[in-house]
Amino acid sequence: QVKFVESGGGLVQSGGSLRLTCAATGFASGFTLDRYAIAWFRQTPGKEREGVSCINSGDGGTVYADSVKDRFIISRDNAENTGYLQMDSLKPEDTAVYYCQTLPACTRGSYYYFPERYDFWGQGTQVTVSS
């Protein structure tokens, strides 16, 4: 079963940057992440998990939540079965646990917009932005 390990979180001051990594593990020989979209989500205590960004396979089209547009950049390295989220100009409201998942495509109605439909989540990586 393919699992995803998120890393790269930490404590940073407001205005700082972090780069998160989403690494696919436990996959059988022949698995290729390039057939799937990759999405990042985040969750803070007491709030619903929300989609942050999503990148399609193929054309690499991207989607961003309004709250992170022009500050975050999602990317992927298909050869390494890895996704990334570059986060710049971080704000205290970005503080959350960040998770990644795959899905067929970043389309309306997809799990990116309905993360509650996922059955399993990785441990995530904590991002804390101090003011």
Foldseek 3Di string as FASTA:
>chain_A
DKAWDKDFADEEAQQAKIKIKIAIDDDDPPDWCLQWKKWKWWDDPPDDIATAKIFGRDVRDMDGDPVQPPFKDKDDDRVRRMIMIIGGSDDQVVWTFMWMDIWNGPDVVTCNGVVVPDPDTDPGHTHGYHD
